[in-house]
Amino acid sequence: MTERALKALIEGVVQGVGFRAFVAREAAARGLRGYVRNLRDGRVEAAFAGPAGAVEEMSGLCARGPAAARVAACQIVEMDTHEAASLPPFEIGRSG
C-alpha cells in the first residue's frame, strides 16, 4: 500500500460553518492521520497522511467542503516524509 501525505490551505467562507468537523469526520472514516485547524487569517489548514487513495479523496473534499462552506481556493502541497511521520491520529487542532 502506497502512503501519501498532503497539506491543504483552504480559503473562503470556511470558518464557523462546520468545516473542521466535516474534515475530521471524513478523515477518521478513512483511517487517516493528521489534523485540521482554523488559522487566524480566516483560512483552514488540514494535513492528511495515509493510503494514497484516501488522501486524494480528502483533497477533493477539502476543495468542496460541507454544504454551508463556500470554498474560494484550496492549495494542496506535498508533505515531506519526516513531517508526515509525526502526524497524530486525526484531530481537530487548536487555532494557529
C-alpha atoms as a PDB file:
ATOM      1  CA  MET A   1       0.000   0.000   0.000  1.00  0.00           C
ATOM      2  CA  THR A   2       1.417   3.389  -1.015  1.00  0.00           C
ATOM      3  CA  GLU A   3       1.252   6.095   1.630  1.00  0.00           C
ATOM      4  CA  ARG A   4       0.940   9.768   0.826  1.00  0.00           C
ATOM      5  CA  ALA A   5       0.829  12.974   2.867  1.00  0.00           C
ATOM      6  CA  LEU A   6      -0.654  16.320   1.859  1.00  0.00           C
ATOM      7  CA  LYS A   7      -1.316  19.668   3.450  1.00  0.00           C
ATOM      8  CA  ALA A   8      -4.256  21.819   2.328  1.00  0.00           C
ATOM      9  CA  LEU A   9      -4.845  25.540   2.846  1.00  0.00           C
ATOM     10  CA  ILE A  10      -8.481  26.364   2.257  1.00  0.00           C
ATOM     11  CA  GLU A  11      -9.815  29.898   1.684  1.00  0.00           C
ATOM     12  CA  GLY A  12     -13.324  31.313   1.512  1.00  0.00           C
ATOM     13  CA  VAL A  13     -16.233  31.012   3.922  1.00  0.00           C
ATOM     14  CA  VAL A  14     -14.658  28.120   5.802  1.00  0.00           C
ATOM     15  CA  GLN A  15     -14.781  29.117   9.470  1.00  0.00           C
ATOM     16  CA  GLY A  16     -17.945  28.904  11.550  1.00  0.00           C
ATOM     17  CA  VAL A  17     -19.665  26.588   9.049  1.00  0.00           C
ATOM     18  CA  GLY A  18     -18.687  23.144  10.383  1.00  0.00           C
ATOM     19  CA  PHE A  19     -15.691  22.778   8.060  1.00  0.00           C
ATOM     20  CA  ARG A  20     -13.330  21.330  10.686  1.00  0.00           C
ATOM     21  CA  ALA A  21     -15.910  18.821  11.938  1.00  0.00           C
ATOM     22  CA  PHE A  22     -16.658  17.779   8.338  1.00  0.00           C
ATOM     23  CA  VAL A  23     -12.964  17.226   7.563  1.00  0.00           C
ATOM     24  CA  ALA A  24     -12.321  15.389  10.852  1.00  0.00           C
ATOM     25  CA  ARG A  25     -15.285  13.053  10.319  1.00  0.00           C
ATOM     26  CA  GLU A  26     -14.296  12.229   6.726  1.00  0.00           C
ATOM     27  CA  ALA A  27     -10.611  11.739   7.577  1.00  0.00           C
ATOM     28  CA  ALA A  28     -11.377   9.498  10.563  1.00  0.00           C
ATOM     29  CA  ALA A  29     -13.738   7.403   8.420  1.00  0.00           C
ATOM     30  CA  ARG A  30     -10.799   6.793   6.056  1.00  0.00           C
ATOM     31  CA  GLY A  31      -8.368   5.940   8.861  1.00  0.00           C
ATOM     32  CA  LEU A  32      -6.078   8.896   8.165  1.00  0.00           C
ATOM     33  CA  ARG A  33      -3.629  10.624  10.484  1.00  0.00           C
ATOM     34  CA  GLY A  34      -3.364  14.400  10.680  1.00  0.00           C
ATOM     35  CA  TYR A  35      -5.224  17.476  11.802  1.00  0.00           C
ATOM     36  CA  VAL A  36      -7.490  20.317  10.759  1.00  0.00           C
ATOM     37  CA  ARG A  37      -7.416  23.773  12.337  1.00  0.00           C
ATOM     38  CA  ASN A  38      -8.551  27.348  11.821  1.00  0.00           C
ATOM     39  CA  LEU A  39      -5.907  29.930  11.011  1.00  0.00           C
ATOM     40  CA  ARG A  40      -6.059  33.490  12.331  1.00  0.00           C
ATOM     41  CA  ASP A  41      -6.281  34.891   8.802  1.00  0.00           C
ATOM     42  CA  GLY A  42      -9.633  33.143   8.164  1.00  0.00           C
ATOM     43  CA  ARG A  43      -8.285  30.114   6.291  1.00  0.00           C
ATOM     44  CA  VAL A  44      -8.405  26.488   7.386  1.00  0.00           C
ATOM     45  CA  GLU A  45      -5.308  24.280   7.335  1.00  0.00           C
ATOM     46  CA  ALA A  46      -5.547  20.497   7.112  1.00  0.00           C
ATOM     47  CA  ALA A  47      -2.889  17.788   6.921  1.00  0.00           C
ATOM     48  CA  PHE A  48      -3.502  14.168   5.963  1.00  0.00           C
ATOM     49  CA  ALA A  49      -1.343  11.061   5.867  1.00  0.00           C
ATOM     50  CA  GLY A  50      -2.323   7.515   4.983  1.00  0.00           C
ATOM     51  CA  PRO A  51      -3.228   5.387   1.970  1.00  0.00           C
ATOM     52  CA  ALA A  52      -2.717   7.409  -1.221  1.00  0.00           C
ATOM     53  CA  GLY A  53      -6.283   6.940  -2.482  1.00  0.00           C
ATOM     54  CA  ALA A  54      -7.851   8.097   0.786  1.00  0.00           C
ATOM     55  CA  VAL A  55      -5.567  11.140   0.947  1.00  0.00           C
ATOM     56  CA  GLU A  56      -6.534  12.056  -2.629  1.00  0.00           C
ATOM     57  CA  GLU A  57     -10.231  11.782  -1.708  1.00  0.00           C
ATOM     58  CA  MET A  58      -9.661  14.197   1.179  1.00  0.00           C
ATOM     59  CA  SER A  59      -8.024  16.783  -1.065  1.00  0.00           C
ATOM     60  CA  GLY A  60     -11.164  16.723  -3.221  1.00  0.00           C
ATOM     61  CA  LEU A  61     -13.431  17.001  -0.192  1.00  0.00           C
ATOM     62  CA  CYS A  62     -11.448  19.998   1.089  1.00  0.00           C
ATOM     63  CA  ALA A  63     -11.899  21.737  -2.254  1.00  0.00           C
ATOM     64  CA  ARG A  64     -15.667  21.261  -1.915  1.00  0.00           C
ATOM     65  CA  GLY A  65     -16.278  21.483   1.848  1.00  0.00           C
ATOM     66  CA  PRO A  66     -19.554  20.949   3.704  1.00  0.00           C
ATOM     67  CA  ALA A  67     -22.826  22.414   2.409  1.00  0.00           C
ATOM     68  CA  ALA A  68     -22.570  25.684   4.398  1.00  0.00           C
ATOM     69  CA  ALA A  69     -18.998  26.423   3.248  1.00  0.00           C
ATOM     70  CA  ARG A  70     -18.018  28.436   0.199  1.00  0.00           C
ATOM     71  CA  VAL A  71     -14.513  27.383  -0.822  1.00  0.00           C
ATOM     72  CA  ALA A  72     -12.791  30.073  -2.914  1.00  0.00           C
ATOM     73  CA  ALA A  73      -9.404  28.318  -3.175  1.00  0.00           C
ATOM     74  CA  CYS A  74      -7.754  25.127  -1.971  1.00  0.00           C
ATOM     75  CA  GLN A  75      -3.971  24.959  -2.227  1.00  0.00           C
ATOM     76  CA  ILE A  76      -2.532  21.440  -1.874  1.00  0.00           C
ATOM     77  CA  VAL A  77       1.150  20.757  -1.174  1.00  0.00           C
ATOM     78  CA  GLU A  78       3.030  17.500  -0.603  1.00  0.00           C
ATOM     79  CA  MET A  79       4.398  16.989   2.899  1.00  0.00           C
ATOM     80  CA  ASP A  80       7.868  15.610   3.448  1.00  0.00           C
ATOM     81  CA  THR A  81       8.158  12.152   4.994  1.00  0.00           C
ATOM     82  CA  HIS A  82       9.612  13.416   8.275  1.00  0.00           C
ATOM     83  CA  GLU A  83       6.728  15.834   8.842  1.00  0.00           C
ATOM     84  CA  ALA A  84       4.158  13.207   7.801  1.00  0.00           C
ATOM     85  CA  ALA A  85       5.599  10.599  10.182  1.00  0.00           C
ATOM     86  CA  SER A  86       4.913  12.893  13.151  1.00  0.00           C
ATOM     87  CA  LEU A  87       1.201  13.370  12.404  1.00  0.00           C
ATOM     88  CA  PRO A  88      -1.126  12.156  15.189  1.00  0.00           C
ATOM     89  CA  PRO A  89      -4.324  10.136  14.807  1.00  0.00           C
ATOM     90  CA  PHE A  90      -6.696  12.612  13.155  1.00  0.00           C
ATOM     91  CA  GLU A  91      -7.696  15.509  15.393  1.00  0.00           C
ATOM     92  CA  ILE A  92      -9.179  18.981  15.349  1.00  0.00           C
ATOM     93  CA  GLY A  93      -6.256  21.154  16.335  1.00  0.00           C
ATOM     94  CA  ARG A  94      -6.051  24.438  18.143  1.00  0.00           C
ATOM     95  CA  SER A  95      -6.318  27.573  16.027  1.00  0.00           C
ATOM     96  CA  GLY A  96      -2.976  28.785  14.751  1.00  0.00           C
END
